[in-house]
Protein backbone atom coordinates (compact mmCIF):
# COMPACT_ATOMS: atom_id res chain seq x y z
CA ALA A 1 4.04 -56.86 -48.84
CA ASP A 2 7.71 -56.95 -50.39
CA VAL A 3 9.14 -55.47 -46.94
CA LEU A 4 7.42 -55.57 -43.70
CA ILE A 5 9.08 -54.07 -40.63
CA SER A 6 7.83 -54.52 -37.21
CA SER A 7 10.54 -53.50 -34.90
CA GLU A 8 10.77 -49.86 -35.59
CA THR A 9 11.90 -47.90 -32.19
CA ARG A 10 12.94 -44.34 -31.83
CA GLN A 11 16.30 -45.18 -32.01
CA ASN A 12 16.32 -46.76 -35.14
CA ARG A 13 13.87 -44.74 -36.75
CA ASP A 14 16.16 -43.01 -39.40
CA GLU A 15 17.92 -45.96 -40.27
CA ILE A 16 15.18 -48.03 -41.44
CA SER A 17 13.56 -45.12 -43.42
CA ASN A 18 16.90 -44.85 -45.22
CA LEU A 19 16.61 -49.10 -45.68
CA LEU A 20 13.50 -48.33 -47.25
CA SER A 21 14.16 -45.64 -49.51
CA LEU A 22 16.99 -46.96 -50.73
CA HIS A 23 14.96 -50.43 -51.60
CA ILE A 24 12.04 -47.88 -53.33
CA LEU A 25 14.57 -46.56 -55.39
CA ASN A 26 15.98 -49.72 -56.26
CA HIS A 27 12.53 -50.62 -57.25
CA VAL A 28 11.53 -47.69 -59.37
CA LEU A 29 14.93 -47.39 -61.50
CA THR A 30 15.13 -51.30 -62.31
CA SER A 31 11.73 -51.38 -63.77
CA ARG A 32 12.58 -47.96 -65.27
CA THR A 33 15.62 -49.34 -66.87
CA ARG A 34 13.61 -52.94 -68.63
CA VAL A 35 10.78 -50.31 -70.02
CA GLN A 36 13.85 -48.49 -71.53
CA ARG A 37 15.53 -51.94 -72.49
CA HIS A 38 12.21 -53.20 -73.78
CA ASN A 39 11.93 -49.92 -75.97
CA ARG A 40 15.04 -50.08 -77.57
CA ARG A 41 14.29 -53.78 -78.53
CA ILE A 42 10.84 -53.22 -80.00
CA LYS A 43 12.01 -50.07 -81.89
CA ASP A 44 14.86 -52.67 -83.31
CA LEU A 45 12.57 -55.31 -84.37
CA THR A 46 10.19 -53.10 -85.81
CA ASN A 47 13.04 -51.11 -87.66
CA SER A 48 14.89 -54.02 -88.86
CA ASP A 49 13.56 -54.40 -92.66
CA GLU A 50 15.61 -57.41 -93.26
CA ASN A 51 14.87 -59.99 -90.69
CA ILE A 52 11.06 -60.33 -91.15
CA ALA A 53 11.58 -63.59 -88.82
CA ASP A 54 12.10 -61.01 -86.15
CA LYS A 55 8.92 -59.06 -86.70
CA ASN A 56 7.18 -62.54 -86.40
CA GLN A 57 8.78 -63.07 -83.15
CA LEU A 58 7.80 -59.48 -82.04
CA ASP A 59 3.73 -60.33 -83.09
CA ASP A 60 4.21 -63.89 -81.32
CA GLU A 61 5.42 -61.93 -77.91
CA GLU A 62 3.15 -59.39 -77.95
CA GLY A 63 0.48 -61.47 -75.64
CA ASP A 64 3.59 -62.34 -73.42
CA ASP A 65 4.16 -61.07 -69.86
CA LYS A 66 7.39 -59.79 -71.31
CA TRP A 67 6.02 -56.89 -72.81
CA ARG A 68 3.25 -55.39 -70.82
CA ASP A 69 5.25 -52.46 -69.54
CA GLN A 70 4.25 -50.58 -72.34
CA GLY A 71 1.33 -48.47 -72.62
CA TYR A 72 -0.16 -46.98 -69.49
CA THR A 73 2.00 -46.41 -66.48
CA ARG A 74 1.61 -48.67 -63.65
CA PRO A 75 2.25 -47.96 -60.09
CA LYS A 76 5.65 -49.71 -58.86
CA VAL A 77 5.34 -48.94 -55.24
CA LEU A 78 2.94 -48.14 -52.74
CA VAL A 79 4.04 -46.34 -49.22
CA LEU A 80 1.70 -46.05 -46.45
CA LEU A 81 2.70 -43.58 -43.96
CA PRO A 82 0.94 -42.37 -41.14
CA THR A 83 1.11 -38.49 -41.63
CA ARG A 84 1.89 -36.03 -44.10
CA GLY A 85 4.77 -34.80 -42.09
CA THR A 86 6.23 -38.14 -42.34
CA CYS A 87 5.72 -38.69 -45.57
CA TRP A 88 7.26 -34.99 -46.87
CA LYS A 89 10.03 -36.30 -44.51
CA PHE A 90 10.47 -39.66 -46.16
CA ILE A 91 10.07 -38.14 -49.70
CA LYS A 92 12.70 -35.33 -48.90
CA GLY A 93 14.88 -38.23 -47.70
CA MET A 94 14.67 -39.88 -50.90
CA ILE A 95 15.47 -37.06 -52.94
CA GLU A 96 18.54 -36.37 -51.33
CA GLN A 97 19.58 -40.30 -51.80
CA LEU A 98 19.05 -39.94 -55.50
CA GLY A 99 21.32 -36.24 -55.73
CA ASP A 100 21.75 -34.34 -58.90
């Protein structure tokens, strides 16, 4: 578990919910940025014909975890909430924090 909060009360429930949603958004947006950066790097390496060493570098690194974010989408975050209403409020709060 990345975050475990065991001292939640009725008084601090909203603050904890906001903190958790910001933490989740940080994970999701960071991984999205990493995928975009890797896509750009792969595109640059495959499009450059004059630099054969870079293409060999791409082929050598294909097995590394560095490029594992390509292909099927893997879940980034799992949030377990007790009821549908709680889930709806949590997701609505995350959307509000994202803004437009």
